[in-house]
Amino acid sequence: MEQVHFSKQDDRRSPALRQDLDFILRHAVRLLHATVDVMSSNRWDMLKKVREMDLEEEVETRVNIILSMEDDARSK
């Protein structure tokens, strides 16, 4: 589901929405890092850790894509 959300074209978003999305995604990455750290330190179920790490990687990839698109748009 997050893939569908993140794959929407960036140029359809207003500048305010892009700014909000940037803020939220930056914090989401940090939150996901912390989630994986807590799960690891508490020796929680390995499958849950793997799912969290997959989600973390997906969010980080999408954040980088969105930020790259915004940087490209600003340079034009």
PDB file of N, CA and C in Angstrom:
ATOM      1  N   MET A   1       0.816  -1.190   0.000  1.00  0.00           N
ATOM      2  CA  MET A   1       0.000   0.000   0.000  1.00  0.00           C
ATOM      3  C   MET A   1       0.863   1.260   0.000  1.00  0.00           C
ATOM      4  N   GLU A   2       1.957   1.250   0.794  1.00  0.00           N
ATOM      5  CA  GLU A   2       2.812   2.434   0.808  1.00  0.00           C
ATOM      6  C   GLU A   2       3.462   2.670  -0.544  1.00  0.00           C
ATOM      7  N   GLN A   3       3.672   1.592  -1.325  1.00  0.00           N
ATOM      8  CA  GLN A   3       4.259   1.762  -2.653  1.00  0.00           C
ATOM      9  C   GLN A   3       3.333   2.563  -3.553  1.00  0.00           C
ATOM     10  N   VAL A   4       2.042   2.308  -3.467  1.00  0.00           N
ATOM     11  CA  VAL A   4       1.070   3.057  -4.266  1.00  0.00           C
ATOM     12  C   VAL A   4       1.084   4.516  -3.846  1.00  0.00           C
ATOM     13  N   HIS A   5       1.105   4.755  -2.545  1.00  0.00           N
ATOM     14  CA  HIS A   5       1.103   6.123  -2.042  1.00  0.00           C
ATOM     15  C   HIS A   5       2.349   6.879  -2.497  1.00  0.00           C
ATOM     16  N   PHE A   6       3.523   6.270  -2.318  1.00  0.00           N
ATOM     17  CA  PHE A   6       4.767   6.951  -2.628  1.00  0.00           C
ATOM     18  C   PHE A   6       5.017   7.072  -4.124  1.00  0.00           C
ATOM     19  N   SER A   7       4.359   6.261  -4.932  1.00  0.00           N
ATOM     20  CA  SER A   7       4.643   6.275  -6.361  1.00  0.00           C
ATOM     21  C   SER A   7       3.858   7.340  -7.124  1.00  0.00           C
ATOM     22  N   LYS A   8       2.970   8.068  -6.455  1.00  0.00           N
ATOM     23  CA  LYS A   8       2.239   9.132  -7.133  1.00  0.00           C
ATOM     24  C   LYS A   8       3.229  10.177  -7.638  1.00  0.00           C
ATOM     25  N   GLN A   9       2.894  10.794  -8.725  1.00  0.00           N
ATOM     26  CA  GLN A   9       3.827  11.750  -9.320  1.00  0.00           C
ATOM     27  C   GLN A   9       3.981  12.972  -8.431  1.00  0.00           C
ATOM     28  N   ASP A  10       5.217  13.357  -8.222  1.00  0.00           N
ATOM     29  CA  ASP A  10       5.542  14.465  -7.331  1.00  0.00           C
ATOM     30  C   ASP A  10       5.050  15.802  -7.857  1.00  0.00           C
ATOM     31  N   ASP A  11       5.007  15.978  -9.173  1.00  0.00           N
ATOM     32  CA  ASP A  11       4.642  17.277  -9.734  1.00  0.00           C
ATOM     33  C   ASP A  11       3.178  17.638  -9.514  1.00  0.00           C
ATOM     34  N   ARG A  12       2.377  16.714  -9.064  1.00  0.00           N
ATOM     35  CA  ARG A  12       0.967  16.995  -8.779  1.00  0.00           C
ATOM     36  C   ARG A  12       0.776  17.568  -7.379  1.00  0.00           C
ATOM     37  N   ARG A  13       1.821  17.558  -6.583  1.00  0.00           N
ATOM     38  CA  ARG A  13       1.712  18.019  -5.203  1.00  0.00           C
ATOM     39  C   ARG A  13       2.007  19.511  -5.123  1.00  0.00           C
ATOM     40  N   SER A  14       1.273  20.185  -4.245  1.00  0.00           N
ATOM     41  CA  SER A  14       1.530  21.600  -4.018  1.00  0.00           C
ATOM     42  C   SER A  14       2.832  21.746  -3.234  1.00  0.00           C
ATOM     43  N   PRO A  15       3.445  22.915  -3.279  1.00  0.00           N
ATOM     44  CA  PRO A  15       4.681  23.117  -2.508  1.00  0.00           C
ATOM     45  C   PRO A  15       4.486  22.871  -1.010  1.00  0.00           C
ATOM     46  N   ALA A  16       3.351  23.279  -0.468  1.00  0.00           N
ATOM     47  CA  ALA A  16       3.093  23.063   0.962  1.00  0.00           C
ATOM     48  C   ALA A  16       2.978  21.573   1.274  1.00  0.00           C
ATOM     49  N   LEU A  17       2.317  20.834   0.399  1.00  0.00           N
ATOM     50  CA  LEU A  17       2.177  19.394   0.604  1.00  0.00           C
ATOM     51  C   LEU A  17       3.529  18.703   0.494  1.00  0.00           C
ATOM     52  N   ARG A  18       4.337  19.128  -0.468  1.00  0.00           N
ATOM     53  CA  ARG A  18       5.677  18.550  -0.601  1.00  0.00           C
ATOM     54  C   ARG A  18       6.526  18.828   0.632  1.00  0.00           C
ATOM     55  N   GLN A  19       6.392  20.033   1.180  1.00  0.00           N
ATOM     56  CA  GLN A  19       7.141  20.385   2.389  1.00  0.00           C
ATOM     57  C   GLN A  19       6.680  19.523   3.562  1.00  0.00           C
ATOM     58  N   ASP A  20       5.377  19.352   3.711  1.00  0.00           N
ATOM     59  CA  ASP A  20       4.847  18.499   4.781  1.00  0.00           C
ATOM     60  C   ASP A  20       5.294  17.052   4.598  1.00  0.00           C
ATOM     61  N   LEU A  21       5.249  16.567   3.374  1.00  0.00           N
ATOM     62  CA  LEU A  21       5.663  15.197   3.087  1.00  0.00           C
ATOM     63  C   LEU A  21       7.139  14.998   3.416  1.00  0.00           C
ATOM     64  N   ASP A  22       7.949  15.966   3.056  1.00  0.00           N
ATOM     65  CA  ASP A  22       9.380  15.905   3.366  1.00  0.00           C
ATOM     66  C   ASP A  22       9.589  15.800   4.877  1.00  0.00           C
ATOM     67  N   PHE A  23       8.892  16.630   5.625  1.00  0.00           N
ATOM     68  CA  PHE A  23       9.008  16.614   7.088  1.00  0.00           C
ATOM     69  C   PHE A  23       8.582  15.261   7.659  1.00  0.00           C
ATOM     70  N   ILE A  24       7.437  14.773   7.215  1.00  0.00           N
ATOM     71  CA  ILE A  24       6.902  13.505   7.731  1.00  0.00           C
ATOM     72  C   ILE A  24       7.822  12.340   7.386  1.00  0.00           C
ATOM     73  N   LEU A  25       8.282  12.288   6.153  1.00  0.00           N
ATOM     74  CA  LEU A  25       9.120  11.166   5.746  1.00  0.00           C
ATOM     75  C   LEU A  25      10.474  11.174   6.438  1.00  0.00           C
ATOM     76  N   ARG A  26      11.041  12.340   6.660  1.00  0.00           N
ATOM     77  CA  ARG A  26      12.309  12.403   7.395  1.00  0.00           C
ATOM     78  C   ARG A  26      12.141  11.846   8.806  1.00  0.00           C
ATOM     79  N   HIS A  27      11.033  12.199   9.444  1.00  0.00           N
ATOM     80  CA  HIS A  27      10.782  11.690  10.793  1.00  0.00           C
ATOM     81  C   HIS A  27      10.413  10.210  10.768  1.00  0.00           C
ATOM     82  N   ALA A  28       9.735   9.776   9.718  1.00  0.00           N
ATOM     83  CA  ALA A  28       9.358   8.360   9.616  1.00  0.00           C
ATOM     84  C   ALA A  28      10.593   7.478   9.539  1.00  0.00           C
ATOM     85  N   VAL A  29      11.593   7.917   8.810  1.00  0.00           N
ATOM     86  CA  VAL A  29      12.825   7.134   8.698  1.00  0.00           C
ATOM     87  C   VAL A  29      13.481   7.001  10.063  1.00  0.00           C
ATOM     88  N   ARG A  30      13.570   8.093  10.798  1.00  0.00           N
ATOM     89  CA  ARG A  30      14.179   8.039  12.130  1.00  0.00           C
ATOM     90  C   ARG A  30      13.372   7.146  13.063  1.00  0.00           C
ATOM     91  N   LEU A  31      12.052   7.224  12.976  1.00  0.00           N
ATOM     92  CA  LEU A  31      11.194   6.387  13.811  1.00  0.00           C
ATOM     93  C   LEU A  31      11.375   4.908  13.468  1.00  0.00           C
ATOM     94  N   LEU A  32      11.476   4.597  12.190  1.00  0.00           N
ATOM     95  CA  LEU A  32      11.682   3.209  11.784  1.00  0.00           C
ATOM     96  C   LEU A  32      13.040   2.683  12.244  1.00  0.00           C
ATOM     97  N   HIS A  33      14.067   3.523  12.179  1.00  0.00           N
ATOM     98  CA  HIS A  33      15.378   3.113  12.700  1.00  0.00           C
ATOM     99  C   HIS A  33      15.265   2.767  14.184  1.00  0.00           C
ATOM    100  N   ALA A  34      14.588   3.624  14.927  1.00  0.00           N
ATOM    101  CA  ALA A  34      14.426   3.394  16.367  1.00  0.00           C
ATOM    102  C   ALA A  34      13.621   2.127  16.630  1.00  0.00           C
ATOM    103  N   THR A  35      12.593   1.880  15.823  1.00  0.00           N
ATOM    104  CA  THR A  35      11.770   0.679  15.984  1.00  0.00           C
ATOM    105  C   THR A  35      12.605  -0.582  15.810  1.00  0.00           C
ATOM    106  N   VAL A  36      13.426  -0.601  14.771  1.00  0.00           N
ATOM    107  CA  VAL A  36      14.281  -1.765  14.534  1.00  0.00           C
ATOM    108  C   VAL A  36      15.274  -1.929  15.679  1.00  0.00           C
ATOM    109  N   ASP A  37      15.839  -0.830  16.162  1.00  0.00           N
ATOM    110  CA  ASP A  37      16.784  -0.903  17.284  1.00  0.00           C
ATOM    111  C   ASP A  37      16.130  -1.487  18.530  1.00  0.00           C
ATOM    112  N   VAL A  38      14.925  -1.025  18.848  1.00  0.00           N
ATOM    113  CA  VAL A  38      14.216  -1.527  20.033  1.00  0.00           C
ATOM    114  C   VAL A  38      13.886  -3.003  19.869  1.00  0.00           C
ATOM    115  N   MET A  39      13.409  -3.367  18.686  1.00  0.00           N
ATOM    116  CA  MET A  39      13.066  -4.771  18.458  1.00  0.00           C
ATOM    117  C   MET A  39      14.299  -5.657  18.587  1.00  0.00           C
ATOM    118  N   SER A  40      15.422  -5.182  18.078  1.00  0.00           N
ATOM    119  CA  SER A  40      16.654  -5.966  18.164  1.00  0.00           C
ATOM    120  C   SER A  40      17.126  -6.099  19.601  1.00  0.00           C
ATOM    121  N   SER A  41      17.077  -5.008  20.340  1.00  0.00           N
ATOM    122  CA  SER A  41      17.577  -5.045  21.715  1.00  0.00           C
ATOM    123  C   SER A  41      16.690  -5.881  22.627  1.00  0.00           C
ATOM    124  N   ASN A  42      15.429  -6.011  22.284  1.00  0.00           N
ATOM    125  CA  ASN A  42      14.506  -6.803  23.103  1.00  0.00           C
ATOM    126  C   ASN A  42      14.388  -8.243  22.620  1.00  0.00           C
ATOM    127  N   ARG A  43      15.159  -8.598  21.584  1.00  0.00           N
ATOM    128  CA  ARG A  43      15.160  -9.960  21.021  1.00  0.00           C
ATOM    129  C   ARG A  43      13.750 -10.406  20.601  1.00  0.00           C
ATOM    130  N   TRP A  44      13.021  -9.502  19.958  1.00  0.00           N
ATOM    131  CA  TRP A  44      11.687  -9.847  19.497  1.00  0.00           C
ATOM    132  C   TRP A  44      11.782 -10.783  18.306  1.00  0.00           C
ATOM    133  N   ASP A  45      10.663 -11.314  17.933  1.00  0.00           N
ATOM    134  CA  ASP A  45      10.558 -12.284  16.840  1.00  0.00           C
ATOM    135  C   ASP A  45      11.297 -11.810  15.586  1.00  0.00           C
ATOM    136  N   MET A  46      12.139 -12.664  15.048  1.00  0.00           N
ATOM    137  CA  MET A  46      12.965 -12.323  13.888  1.00  0.00           C
ATOM    138  C   MET A  46      12.125 -11.924  12.676  1.00  0.00           C
ATOM    139  N   LEU A  47      10.996 -12.577  12.450  1.00  0.00           N
ATOM    140  CA  LEU A  47      10.149 -12.237  11.310  1.00  0.00           C
ATOM    141  C   LEU A  47       9.664 -10.794  11.412  1.00  0.00           C
ATOM    142  N   LYS A  48       9.299 -10.377  12.602  1.00  0.00           N
ATOM    143  CA  LYS A  48       8.861  -8.993  12.786  1.00  0.00           C
ATOM    144  C   LYS A  48       9.996  -8.033  12.470  1.00  0.00           C
ATOM    145  N   LYS A  49      11.205  -8.379  12.898  1.00  0.00           N
ATOM    146  CA  LYS A  49      12.366  -7.521  12.617  1.00  0.00           C
ATOM    147  C   LYS A  49      12.590  -7.385  11.114  1.00  0.00           C
ATOM    148  N   VAL A  50      12.487  -8.501  10.427  1.00  0.00           N
ATOM    149  CA  VAL A  50      12.705  -8.478   8.980  1.00  0.00           C
ATOM    150  C   VAL A  50      11.653  -7.607   8.306  1.00  0.00           C
ATOM    151  N   ARG A  51      10.416  -7.728   8.712  1.00  0.00           N
ATOM    152  CA  ARG A  51       9.349  -6.896   8.132  1.00  0.00           C
ATOM    153  C   ARG A  51       9.617  -5.418   8.382  1.00  0.00           C
ATOM    154  N   GLU A  52      10.016  -5.094   9.604  1.00  0.00           N
ATOM    155  CA  GLU A  52      10.310  -3.702   9.934  1.00  0.00           C
ATOM    156  C   GLU A  52      11.490  -3.179   9.118  1.00  0.00           C
ATOM    157  N   MET A  53      12.515  -3.993   8.961  1.00  0.00           N
ATOM    158  CA  MET A  53      13.682  -3.562   8.186  1.00  0.00           C
ATOM    159  C   MET A  53      13.320  -3.386   6.718  1.00  0.00           C
ATOM    160  N   ASP A  54      12.443  -4.246   6.183  1.00  0.00           N
ATOM    161  CA  ASP A  54      11.987  -4.092   4.801  1.00  0.00           C
ATOM    162  C   ASP A  54      11.222  -2.786   4.641  1.00  0.00           C
ATOM    163  N   LEU A  55      10.340  -2.486   5.594  1.00  0.00           N
ATOM    164  CA  LEU A  55       9.579  -1.241   5.548  1.00  0.00           C
ATOM    165  C   LEU A  55      10.521  -0.049   5.668  1.00  0.00           C
ATOM    166  N   GLU A  56      11.495  -0.166   6.547  1.00  0.00           N
ATOM    167  CA  GLU A  56      12.470   0.907   6.727  1.00  0.00           C
ATOM    168  C   GLU A  56      13.217   1.181   5.423  1.00  0.00           C
ATOM    169  N   GLU A  57      13.647   0.135   4.766  1.00  0.00           N
ATOM    170  CA  GLU A  57      14.369   0.285   3.500  1.00  0.00           C
ATOM    171  C   GLU A  57      13.475   0.911   2.436  1.00  0.00           C
ATOM    172  N   GLU A  58      12.226   0.488   2.376  1.00  0.00           N
ATOM    173  CA  GLU A  58      11.278   1.030   1.397  1.00  0.00           C
ATOM    174  C   GLU A  58      11.060   2.523   1.623  1.00  0.00           C
ATOM    175  N   VAL A  59      10.847   2.909   2.873  1.00  0.00           N
ATOM    176  CA  VAL A  59      10.622   4.323   3.176  1.00  0.00           C
ATOM    177  C   VAL A  59      11.866   5.139   2.834  1.00  0.00           C
ATOM    178  N   GLU A  60      13.033   4.660   3.216  1.00  0.00           N
ATOM    179  CA  GLU A  60      14.267   5.391   2.912  1.00  0.00           C
ATOM    180  C   GLU A  60      14.453   5.565   1.410  1.00  0.00           C
ATOM    181  N   THR A  61      14.170   4.530   0.653  1.00  0.00           N
ATOM    182  CA  THR A  61      14.297   4.613  -0.800  1.00  0.00           C
ATOM    183  C   THR A  61      13.355   5.664  -1.355  1.00  0.00           C
ATOM    184  N   ARG A  62      12.118   5.644  -0.899  1.00  0.00           N
ATOM    185  CA  ARG A  62      11.126   6.605  -1.396  1.00  0.00           C
ATOM    186  C   ARG A  62      11.465   8.025  -0.973  1.00  0.00           C
ATOM    187  N   VAL A  63      11.956   8.198   0.245  1.00  0.00           N
ATOM    188  CA  VAL A  63      12.363   9.527   0.707  1.00  0.00           C
ATOM    189  C   VAL A  63      13.458  10.064  -0.206  1.00  0.00           C
ATOM    190  N   ASN A  64      14.442   9.243  -0.494  1.00  0.00           N
ATOM    191  CA  ASN A  64      15.539   9.680  -1.358  1.00  0.00           C
ATOM    192  C   ASN A  64      15.050  10.030  -2.756  1.00  0.00           C
ATOM    193  N   ILE A  65      14.105   9.271  -3.277  1.00  0.00           N
ATOM    194  CA  ILE A  65      13.550   9.566  -4.602  1.00  0.00           C
ATOM    195  C   ILE A  65      12.820  10.897  -4.585  1.00  0.00           C
ATOM    196  N   ILE A  66      11.984  11.099  -3.583  1.00  0.00           N
ATOM    197  CA  ILE A  66      11.208  12.338  -3.488  1.00  0.00           C
ATOM    198  C   ILE A  66      12.132  13.536  -3.323  1.00  0.00           C
ATOM    199  N   LEU A  67      13.118  13.420  -2.448  1.00  0.00           N
ATOM    200  CA  LEU A  67      14.043  14.531  -2.233  1.00  0.00           C
ATOM    201  C   LEU A  67      14.858  14.816  -3.489  1.00  0.00           C
ATOM    202  N   SER A  68      15.231  13.789  -4.198  1.00  0.00           N
ATOM    203  CA  SER A  68      15.966  13.963  -5.448  1.00  0.00           C
ATOM    204  C   SER A  68      15.107  14.684  -6.478  1.00  0.00           C
ATOM    205  N   MET A  69      13.839  14.319  -6.557  1.00  0.00           N
ATOM    206  CA  MET A  69      12.924  14.967  -7.494  1.00  0.00           C
ATOM    207  C   MET A  69      12.758  16.435  -7.141  1.00  0.00           C
ATOM    208  N   GLU A  70      12.662  16.732  -5.840  1.00  0.00           N
ATOM    209  CA  GLU A  70      12.514  18.120  -5.414  1.00  0.00           C
ATOM    210  C   GLU A  70      13.778  18.914  -5.711  1.00  0.00           C
ATOM    211  N   ASP A  71      14.937  18.323  -5.494  1.00  0.00           N
ATOM    212  CA  ASP A  71      16.192  19.006  -5.814  1.00  0.00           C
ATOM    213  C   ASP A  71      16.273  19.305  -7.308  1.00  0.00           C
ATOM    214  N   ASP A  72      15.868  18.343  -8.134  1.00  0.00           N
ATOM    215  CA  ASP A  72      15.865  18.548  -9.581  1.00  0.00           C
ATOM    216  C   ASP A  72      14.911  19.670  -9.973  1.00  0.00           C
ATOM    217  N   ALA A  73      13.729  19.698  -9.340  1.00  0.00           N
ATOM    218  CA  ALA A  73      12.737  20.727  -9.647  1.00  0.00           C
ATOM    219  C   ALA A  73      13.244  22.110  -9.236  1.00  0.00           C
ATOM    220  N   ARG A  74      13.937  22.196  -8.123  1.00  0.00           N
ATOM    221  CA  ARG A  74      14.463  23.486  -7.652  1.00  0.00           C
ATOM    222  C   ARG A  74      15.575  23.994  -8.559  1.00  0.00           C
ATOM    223  N   SER A  75      16.342  23.101  -9.125  1.00  0.00           N
ATOM    224  CA  SER A  75      17.471  23.519  -9.959  1.00  0.00           C
ATOM    225  C   SER A  75      17.044  23.971 -11.352  1.00  0.00           C
ATOM    226  N   LYS A  76      15.795  23.723 -11.711  1.00  0.00           N
ATOM    227  CA  LYS A  76      15.303  24.123 -13.046  1.00  0.00           C
ATOM    228  C   LYS A  76      14.790  25.536 -13.037  1.00  0.00           C
TER     229      LYS A  76
END
